[in-house]
């Protein structure tokens, strides 16, 4: 690339290859430099030359530089000064305001100037490489911090839903978590006998999309600003994914997948707990009916069979039966009473079995029971870790 030379004493401007030295020992342009001379009638034109140069070399001697030209030198270009002995203080102050990257003092011998320019260029190249490394490191660090912050939101969400025992509150906390991640959308918990969609004010198009998602074999789909997560019992539709930020886009897709997994697991627990409570109630009702039936039947049968036995004894005396016939009739009566007693024992065994089943259901319910903690509607859960 080319260097831009600017001489204060002659007010000449040159654009020369970086390997060419055009200044003599007295701080003036060499006679061979004319081929590289350019014209800049205004400070704006001079500024355009600066923008396309590798570096600006300011050769200062007896006179100051044109102030408006110096102002046109952009701050993002390397600035090097060759300062001749005897340069007035006012000219030195003018250079100081430029915040020079380096300077060389006279005498300006060609080899020493060339060596100095080469060394400056090499150091500048190294500095730019370091700046780029720092920039990349900062970008990586920011990405790492962002990832940590997002996973912190997931960890907080996992903790906050473990005590929830209501499907609606689970959905509410899940939507808050998505809001903390700066996205929003719709969630659906689907089971064979029920489907729950939140928020309920969903458009027909989004509802159809969720229904088609549930029937699909695809697990995760990302298209533009839409994310679709299709788990066995949970479907999420994100409607404003950060499509303009590829790094965040990919991270959020993975993070939300974790959230869907946690939400689905909790929804299953809530569903099973609800089914367990229903079975507890059904079992208690069966036991109550068995107790009532057993108590009534036992009392009624005992009374009937006792009356029947007494009646048979009375009747047998008037039927002119032999002793063997009378004994056989009474034995039949006693056998029937014994059979009914066996039936009562079987009923008691069934009742004991149901009581054992109810006890196990109660134990399972106790294990699944959580302490519901009311989450205030107005509390924001946005977390800031860095």
Foldseek 3Di string as FASTA:
>chain_A
DWEWEAEAVVRWIFTGRLQDDQAAQQLDGHPVRPVGTDDDPDLVSLLVVLVPHQAYEYRAEAGAHDLSNLVSRDLVHAYEYEYEPPHDPVNVVSVVVSVHPYYHYDRCDPVVVSVVSVVSVVVVVVVVVVVVVVVVVVVVVVLVQVLVQLVVLVVVLLVVLLQDQDLVVLQVSLQLSVVLLVWGFKKWFDDPVDIDIPPPPDDPVVVVVQVVLQVDPDAWDDDQQWIWGHDNGMITIIRGQPNVDVSSNVSVNVSVNSVRVSSNVSVVLSVVLVVLVVVLVVLVVVLVVLVVVLVVCVVVVVVVLVVVLVVLVVVVVVVPDDPVVSVVVNVVSVVVVVVVVVVSVVSVVVSVVSVVVSVVSVVVSVVSHHDDDDDDPPDRDNDDDD
